[in-house]
Amino acid sequence: EHMLYATRLAPDLILALVFDAETPFSTIR
């Protein structure tokens, strides 16, 4: 299991980062 964080850079363009499942939400954000 992992934690996925994705955010829009531009239309049709998404940046995604994958972290260890134990990584705190606050750290990811």
PDB file of all heavy atoms in Angstrom:
ATOM      1  N   GLU A   1       0.826  -1.189   0.000  1.00  0.00           N
ATOM      2  CA  GLU A   1       0.000   0.000   0.000  1.00  0.00           C
ATOM      3  C   GLU A   1       0.868   1.248   0.000  1.00  0.00           C
ATOM      4  O   GLU A   1       1.956   1.264   0.583  1.00  0.00           O
ATOM      5  CB  GLU A   1      -0.942   0.017   1.212  1.00  0.00           C
ATOM      6  CG  GLU A   1      -2.084  -0.981   1.106  1.00  0.00           C
ATOM      7  CD  GLU A   1      -3.166  -0.700   2.129  1.00  0.00           C
ATOM      8  OE1 GLU A   1      -2.877  -0.011   3.130  1.00  0.00           O
ATOM      9  OE2 GLU A   1      -4.297  -1.166   1.915  1.00  0.00           O
ATOM     10  N   HIS A   2       0.372   2.275  -0.666  1.00  0.00           N
ATOM     11  CA  HIS A   2       1.081   3.547  -0.754  1.00  0.00           C
ATOM     12  C   HIS A   2       0.059   4.660  -0.610  1.00  0.00           C
ATOM     13  O   HIS A   2      -1.152   4.444  -0.674  1.00  0.00           O
ATOM     14  CB  HIS A   2       1.786   3.687  -2.111  1.00  0.00           C
ATOM     15  CG  HIS A   2       2.701   2.557  -2.452  1.00  0.00           C
ATOM     16  ND1 HIS A   2       4.054   2.567  -2.187  1.00  0.00           N
ATOM     17  CD2 HIS A   2       2.454   1.353  -3.047  1.00  0.00           C
ATOM     18  CE1 HIS A   2       4.594   1.439  -2.596  1.00  0.00           C
ATOM     19  NE2 HIS A   2       3.635   0.689  -3.128  1.00  0.00           N
ATOM     20  N   MET A   3       0.580   5.868  -0.395  1.00  0.00           N
ATOM     21  CA  MET A   3      -0.274   7.044  -0.386  1.00  0.00           C
ATOM     22  C   MET A   3      -0.023   7.828  -1.669  1.00  0.00           C
ATOM     23  O   MET A   3       1.121   8.132  -2.015  1.00  0.00           O
ATOM     24  CB  MET A   3       0.036   7.926   0.825  1.00  0.00           C
ATOM     25  CG  MET A   3      -0.858   9.146   0.934  1.00  0.00           C
ATOM     26  SD  MET A   3      -2.592   8.709   1.205  1.00  0.00           S
ATOM     27  CE  MET A   3      -2.504   8.163   2.905  1.00  0.00           C
ATOM     28  N   LEU A   4      -1.094   8.114  -2.387  1.00  0.00           N
ATOM     29  CA  LEU A   4      -1.004   8.850  -3.652  1.00  0.00           C
ATOM     30  C   LEU A   4      -1.482  10.278  -3.451  1.00  0.00           C
ATOM     31  O   LEU A   4      -2.559  10.513  -2.894  1.00  0.00           O
ATOM     32  CB  LEU A   4      -1.869   8.164  -4.716  1.00  0.00           C
ATOM     33  CG  LEU A   4      -2.092   8.938  -6.023  1.00  0.00           C
ATOM     34  CD1 LEU A   4      -0.791   9.067  -6.808  1.00  0.00           C
ATOM     35  CD2 LEU A   4      -3.160   8.262  -6.872  1.00  0.00           C
ATOM     36  N   TYR A   5      -0.680  11.222  -3.910  1.00  0.00           N
ATOM     37  CA  TYR A   5      -1.085  12.626  -3.915  1.00  0.00           C
ATOM     38  C   TYR A   5      -0.945  13.141  -5.344  1.00  0.00           C
ATOM     39  O   TYR A   5       0.097  12.979  -5.967  1.00  0.00           O
ATOM     40  CB  TYR A   5      -0.198  13.462  -2.986  1.00  0.00           C
ATOM     41  CG  TYR A   5      -0.505  14.940  -3.041  1.00  0.00           C
ATOM     42  CD1 TYR A   5      -1.614  15.468  -2.385  1.00  0.00           C
ATOM     43  CD2 TYR A   5       0.305  15.812  -3.756  1.00  0.00           C
ATOM     44  CE1 TYR A   5      -1.909  16.819  -2.443  1.00  0.00           C
ATOM     45  CE2 TYR A   5       0.024  17.163  -3.826  1.00  0.00           C
ATOM     46  CZ  TYR A   5      -1.091  17.664  -3.155  1.00  0.00           C
ATOM     47  OH  TYR A   5      -1.384  18.993  -3.224  1.00  0.00           O
ATOM     48  N   ALA A   6      -2.006  13.754  -5.864  1.00  0.00           N
ATOM     49  CA  ALA A   6      -1.974  14.276  -7.233  1.00  0.00           C
ATOM     50  C   ALA A   6      -2.533  15.687  -7.248  1.00  0.00           C
ATOM     51  O   ALA A   6      -3.489  16.004  -6.527  1.00  0.00           O
ATOM     52  CB  ALA A   6      -2.773  13.378  -8.176  1.00  0.00           C
ATOM     53  N   THR A   7      -1.946  16.538  -8.081  1.00  0.00           N
ATOM     54  CA  THR A   7      -2.391  17.916  -8.201  1.00  0.00           C
ATOM     55  C   THR A   7      -2.280  18.368  -9.652  1.00  0.00           C
ATOM     56  O   THR A   7      -1.424  17.886 -10.394  1.00  0.00           O
ATOM     57  CB  THR A   7      -1.563  18.851  -7.285  1.00  0.00           C
ATOM     58  OG1 THR A   7      -2.108  20.169  -7.299  1.00  0.00           O
ATOM     59  CG2 THR A   7      -0.103  18.911  -7.740  1.00  0.00           C
ATOM     60  N   ARG A   8      -3.141  19.277 -10.048  1.00  0.00           N
ATOM     61  CA  ARG A   8      -3.135  19.745 -11.433  1.00  0.00           C
ATOM     62  C   ARG A   8      -2.051  20.803 -11.632  1.00  0.00           C
ATOM     63  O   ARG A   8      -1.942  21.758 -10.861  1.00  0.00           O
ATOM     64  CB  ARG A   8      -4.497  20.335 -11.793  1.00  0.00           C
ATOM     65  CG  ARG A   8      -4.612  20.758 -13.258  1.00  0.00           C
ATOM     66  CD  ARG A   8      -5.937  21.478 -13.521  1.00  0.00           C
ATOM     67  NE  ARG A   8      -7.075  20.618 -13.251  1.00  0.00           N
ATOM     68  CZ  ARG A   8      -7.543  19.728 -14.113  1.00  0.00           C
ATOM     69  NH1 ARG A   8      -6.939  19.548 -15.282  1.00  0.00           N
ATOM     70  NH2 ARG A   8      -8.582  18.996 -13.811  1.00  0.00           N
ATOM     71  N   LEU A   9      -1.233  20.621 -12.670  1.00  0.00           N
ATOM     72  CA  LEU A   9      -0.247  21.622 -13.056  1.00  0.00           C
ATOM     73  C   LEU A   9      -0.825  22.575 -14.097  1.00  0.00           C
ATOM     74  O   LEU A   9      -0.515  23.763 -14.112  1.00  0.00           O
ATOM     75  CB  LEU A   9       1.005  20.957 -13.639  1.00  0.00           C
ATOM     76  CG  LEU A   9       1.830  20.076 -12.701  1.00  0.00           C
ATOM     77  CD1 LEU A   9       2.982  19.446 -13.468  1.00  0.00           C
ATOM     78  CD2 LEU A   9       2.350  20.872 -11.519  1.00  0.00           C
ATOM     79  N   ALA A  10      -1.634  22.024 -14.984  1.00  0.00           N
ATOM     80  CA  ALA A  10      -2.220  22.787 -16.089  1.00  0.00           C
ATOM     81  C   ALA A  10      -3.322  21.903 -16.677  1.00  0.00           C
ATOM     82  O   ALA A  10      -3.442  20.727 -16.313  1.00  0.00           O
ATOM     83  CB  ALA A  10      -1.163  23.116 -17.148  1.00  0.00           C
ATOM     84  N   PRO A  11      -4.150  22.426 -17.590  1.00  0.00           N
ATOM     85  CA  PRO A  11      -5.153  21.572 -18.218  1.00  0.00           C
ATOM     86  C   PRO A  11      -4.530  20.315 -18.840  1.00  0.00           C
ATOM     87  O   PRO A  11      -3.511  20.408 -19.527  1.00  0.00           O
ATOM     88  CB  PRO A  11      -5.750  22.490 -19.295  1.00  0.00           C
ATOM     89  CG  PRO A  11      -5.555  23.860 -18.757  1.00  0.00           C
ATOM     90  CD  PRO A  11      -4.236  23.830 -18.031  1.00  0.00           C
ATOM     91  N   ASP A  12      -5.111  19.160 -18.537  1.00  0.00           N
ATOM     92  CA  ASP A  12      -4.637  17.862 -19.064  1.00  0.00           C
ATOM     93  C   ASP A  12      -3.262  17.470 -18.538  1.00  0.00           C
ATOM     94  O   ASP A  12      -2.621  16.561 -19.078  1.00  0.00           O
ATOM     95  CB  ASP A  12      -4.604  17.856 -20.603  1.00  0.00           C
ATOM     96  CG  ASP A  12      -5.974  18.031 -21.200  1.00  0.00           C
ATOM     97  OD1 ASP A  12      -6.929  17.482 -20.631  1.00  0.00           O
ATOM     98  OD2 ASP A  12      -6.093  18.716 -22.229  1.00  0.00           O
ATOM     99  N   LEU A  13      -2.786  18.122 -17.478  1.00  0.00           N
ATOM    100  CA  LEU A  13      -1.428  17.877 -16.984  1.00  0.00           C
ATOM    101  C   LEU A  13      -1.480  17.700 -15.468  1.00  0.00           C
ATOM    102  O   LEU A  13      -1.782  18.649 -14.736  1.00  0.00           O
ATOM    103  CB  LEU A  13      -0.536  19.061 -17.360  1.00  0.00           C
ATOM    104  CG  LEU A  13       0.972  18.844 -17.399  1.00  0.00           C
ATOM    105  CD1 LEU A  13       1.330  17.813 -18.468  1.00  0.00           C
ATOM    106  CD2 LEU A  13       1.678  20.154 -17.697  1.00  0.00           C
ATOM    107  N   ILE A  14      -1.207  16.485 -14.997  1.00  0.00           N
ATOM    108  CA  ILE A  14      -1.324  16.164 -13.582  1.00  0.00           C
ATOM    109  C   ILE A  14       0.022  15.702 -13.028  1.00  0.00           C
ATOM    110  O   ILE A  14       0.700  14.877 -13.629  1.00  0.00           O
ATOM    111  CB  ILE A  14      -2.363  15.039 -13.341  1.00  0.00           C
ATOM    112  CG1 ILE A  14      -3.700  15.384 -13.991  1.00  0.00           C
ATOM    113  CG2 ILE A  14      -2.529  14.774 -11.851  1.00  0.00           C
ATOM    114  CD1 ILE A  14      -4.347  16.624 -13.471  1.00  0.00           C
ATOM    115  N   LEU A  15       0.402  16.250 -11.886  1.00  0.00           N
ATOM    116  CA  LEU A  15       1.590  15.809 -11.162  1.00  0.00           C
ATOM    117  C   LEU A  15       1.149  14.854 -10.065  1.00  0.00           C
ATOM    118  O   LEU A  15       0.227  15.168  -9.302  1.00  0.00           O
ATOM    119  CB  LEU A  15       2.321  17.001 -10.544  1.00  0.00           C
ATOM    120  CG  LEU A  15       3.434  16.663  -9.535  1.00  0.00           C
ATOM    121  CD1 LEU A  15       4.613  15.992 -10.222  1.00  0.00           C
ATOM    122  CD2 LEU A  15       3.876  17.916  -8.797  1.00  0.00           C
ATOM    123  N   ALA A  16       1.780  13.699  -9.974  1.00  0.00           N
ATOM    124  CA  ALA A  16       1.443  12.714  -8.942  1.00  0.00           C
ATOM    125  C   ALA A  16       2.693  12.302  -8.183  1.00  0.00           C
ATOM    126  O   ALA A  16       3.752  12.088  -8.787  1.00  0.00           O
ATOM    127  CB  ALA A  16       0.784  11.482  -9.571  1.00  0.00           C
ATOM    128  N   LEU A  17       2.562  12.210  -6.881  1.00  0.00           N
ATOM    129  CA  LEU A  17       3.645  11.752  -6.009  1.00  0.00           C
ATOM    130  C   LEU A  17       3.139  10.561  -5.209  1.00  0.00           C
ATOM    131  O   LEU A  17       1.985  10.541  -4.768  1.00  0.00           O
ATOM    132  CB  LEU A  17       4.081  12.868  -5.055  1.00  0.00           C
ATOM    133  CG  LEU A  17       4.625  14.148  -5.692  1.00  0.00           C
ATOM    134  CD1 LEU A  17       4.766  15.239  -4.640  1.00  0.00           C
ATOM    135  CD2 LEU A  17       5.953  13.885  -6.361  1.00  0.00           C
ATOM    136  N   VAL A  18       4.004   9.565  -5.018  1.00  0.00           N
ATOM    137  CA  VAL A  18       3.642   8.372  -4.266  1.00  0.00           C
ATOM    138  C   VAL A  18       4.558   8.259  -3.051  1.00  0.00           C
ATOM    139  O   VAL A  18       5.784   8.368  -3.175  1.00  0.00           O
ATOM    140  CB  VAL A  18       3.753   7.113  -5.147  1.00  0.00           C
ATOM    141  CG1 VAL A  18       3.548   5.861  -4.314  1.00  0.00           C
ATOM    142  CG2 VAL A  18       2.723   7.164  -6.256  1.00  0.00           C
ATOM    143  N   PHE A  19       3.937   8.053  -1.892  1.00  0.00           N
ATOM    144  CA  PHE A  19       4.665   7.974  -0.634  1.00  0.00           C
ATOM    145  C   PHE A  19       4.401   6.635   0.037  1.00  0.00           C
ATOM    146  O   PHE A  19       3.457   5.919  -0.308  1.00  0.00           O
ATOM    147  CB  PHE A  19       4.202   9.084   0.319  1.00  0.00           C
ATOM    148  CG  PHE A  19       4.439  10.482  -0.185  1.00  0.00           C
ATOM    149  CD1 PHE A  19       3.559  11.075  -1.072  1.00  0.00           C
ATOM    150  CD2 PHE A  19       5.547  11.209   0.234  1.00  0.00           C
ATOM    151  CE1 PHE A  19       3.758  12.369  -1.532  1.00  0.00           C
ATOM    152  CE2 PHE A  19       5.752  12.498  -0.225  1.00  0.00           C
ATOM    153  CZ  PHE A  19       4.869  13.081  -1.109  1.00  0.00           C
ATOM    154  N   ASP A  20       5.239   6.319   1.005  1.00  0.00           N
ATOM    155  CA  ASP A  20       4.972   5.171   1.855  1.00  0.00           C
ATOM    156  C   ASP A  20       3.635   5.380   2.549  1.00  0.00           C
ATOM    157  O   ASP A  20       3.266   6.506   2.897  1.00  0.00           O
ATOM    158  CB  ASP A  20       6.088   5.019   2.888  1.00  0.00           C
ATOM    159  CG  ASP A  20       5.894   3.807   3.770  1.00  0.00           C
ATOM    160  OD1 ASP A  20       6.352   2.714   3.423  1.00  0.00           O
ATOM    161  OD2 ASP A  20       5.244   3.972   4.832  1.00  0.00           O
ATOM    162  N   ALA A  21       2.895   4.302   2.750  1.00  0.00           N
ATOM    163  CA  ALA A  21       1.548   4.399   3.315  1.00  0.00           C
ATOM    164  C   ALA A  21       1.551   4.994   4.724  1.00  0.00           C
ATOM    165  O   ALA A  21       0.527   5.519   5.176  1.00  0.00           O
ATOM    166  CB  ALA A  21       0.890   3.024   3.326  1.00  0.00           C
ATOM    167  N   GLU A  22       2.689   4.931   5.422  1.00  0.00           N
ATOM    168  CA  GLU A  22       2.758   5.442   6.792  1.00  0.00           C
ATOM    169  C   GLU A  22       3.092   6.933   6.850  1.00  0.00           C
ATOM    170  O   GLU A  22       3.115   7.517   7.933  1.00  0.00           O
ATOM    171  CB  GLU A  22       3.818   4.656   7.585  1.00  0.00           C
ATOM    172  CG  GLU A  22       3.571   3.160   7.661  1.00  0.00           C
ATOM    173  CD  GLU A  22       2.253   2.832   8.357  1.00  0.00           C
ATOM    174  OE1 GLU A  22       1.922   3.533   9.331  1.00  0.00           O
ATOM    175  OE2 GLU A  22       1.570   1.896   7.910  1.00  0.00           O
ATOM    176  N   THR A  23       3.342   7.562   5.705  1.00  0.00           N
ATOM    177  CA  THR A  23       3.706   8.976   5.692  1.00  0.00           C
ATOM    178  C   THR A  23       2.520   9.831   6.136  1.00  0.00           C
ATOM    179  O   THR A  23       1.419   9.700   5.598  1.00  0.00           O
ATOM    180  CB  THR A  23       4.131   9.418   4.284  1.00  0.00           C
ATOM    181  OG1 THR A  23       5.149   8.538   3.799  1.00  0.00           O
ATOM    182  CG2 THR A  23       4.683  10.847   4.302  1.00  0.00           C
ATOM    183  N   PRO A  24       2.710  10.725   7.120  1.00  0.00           N
ATOM    184  CA  PRO A  24       1.601  11.569   7.612  1.00  0.00           C
ATOM    185  C   PRO A  24       1.068  12.490   6.520  1.00  0.00           C
ATOM    186  O   PRO A  24       1.822  12.967   5.670  1.00  0.00           O
ATOM    187  CB  PRO A  24       2.255  12.380   8.741  1.00  0.00           C
ATOM    188  CG  PRO A  24       3.457  11.589   9.145  1.00  0.00           C
ATOM    189  CD  PRO A  24       3.950  10.918   7.911  1.00  0.00           C
ATOM    190  N   PHE A  25      -0.239  12.738   6.533  1.00  0.00           N
ATOM    191  CA  PHE A  25      -0.853  13.637   5.567  1.00  0.00           C
ATOM    192  C   PHE A  25      -0.181  15.006   5.582  1.00  0.00           C
ATOM    193  O   PHE A  25       0.019  15.637   4.546  1.00  0.00           O
ATOM    194  CB  PHE A  25      -2.346  13.805   5.875  1.00  0.00           C
ATOM    195  CG  PHE A  25      -3.174  12.588   5.563  1.00  0.00           C
ATOM    196  CD1 PHE A  25      -4.534  12.579   5.841  1.00  0.00           C
ATOM    197  CD2 PHE A  25      -2.601  11.457   4.999  1.00  0.00           C
ATOM    198  CE1 PHE A  25      -5.311  11.454   5.547  1.00  0.00           C
ATOM    199  CE2 PHE A  25      -3.370  10.343   4.712  1.00  0.00           C
ATOM    200  CZ  PHE A  25      -4.723  10.335   5.002  1.00  0.00           C
ATOM    201  N   SER A  26       0.129  15.491   6.790  1.00  0.00           N
ATOM    202  CA  SER A  26       0.722  16.828   6.906  1.00  0.00           C
ATOM    203  C   SER A  26       2.057  16.912   6.183  1.00  0.00           C
ATOM    204  O   SER A  26       2.375  17.916   5.543  1.00  0.00           O
ATOM    205  CB  SER A  26       0.909  17.191   8.379  1.00  0.00           C
ATOM    206  OG  SER A  26       1.727  16.225   9.043  1.00  0.00           O
ATOM    207  N   THR A  27       2.836  15.833   6.246  1.00  0.00           N
ATOM    208  CA  THR A  27       4.131  15.795   5.559  1.00  0.00           C
ATOM    209  C   THR A  27       3.937  15.804   4.048  1.00  0.00           C
ATOM    210  O   THR A  27       4.629  16.521   3.327  1.00  0.00           O
ATOM    211  CB  THR A  27       4.921  14.542   5.970  1.00  0.00           C
ATOM    212  OG1 THR A  27       5.148  14.570   7.384  1.00  0.00           O
ATOM    213  CG2 THR A  27       6.258  14.475   5.241  1.00  0.00           C
ATOM    214  N   ILE A  28       2.978  15.009   3.586  1.00  0.00           N
ATOM    215  CA  ILE A  28       2.704  14.930   2.147  1.00  0.00           C
ATOM    216  C   ILE A  28       2.279  16.289   1.608  1.00  0.00           C
ATOM    217  O   ILE A  28       2.784  16.765   0.592  1.00  0.00           O
ATOM    218  CB  ILE A  28       1.627  13.869   1.871  1.00  0.00           C
ATOM    219  CG1 ILE A  28       2.161  12.474   2.192  1.00  0.00           C
ATOM    220  CG2 ILE A  28       1.146  13.942   0.419  1.00  0.00           C
ATOM    221  CD1 ILE A  28       1.132  11.374   2.066  1.00  0.00           C
ATOM    222  N   ARG A  29       1.346  16.943   2.293  1.00  0.00           N
ATOM    223  CA  ARG A  29       0.843  18.228   1.794  1.00  0.00           C
ATOM    224  C   ARG A  29       1.943  19.292   1.790  1.00  0.00           C
ATOM    225  O   ARG A  29       2.045  20.078   0.858  1.00  0.00           O
ATOM    226  CB  ARG A  29      -0.347  18.690   2.639  1.00  0.00           C
ATOM    227  CG  ARG A  29      -1.597  17.854   2.407  1.00  0.00           C
ATOM    228  CD  ARG A  29      -2.825  18.517   3.011  1.00  0.00           C
ATOM    229  NE  ARG A  29      -4.020  17.722   2.804  1.00  0.00           N
ATOM    230  CZ  ARG A  29      -4.720  17.703   1.684  1.00  0.00           C
ATOM    231  NH1 ARG A  29      -4.332  18.440   0.653  1.00  0.00           N
ATOM    232  NH2 ARG A  29      -5.792  16.959   1.594  1.00  0.00           N
TER     233      ARG A  29
END
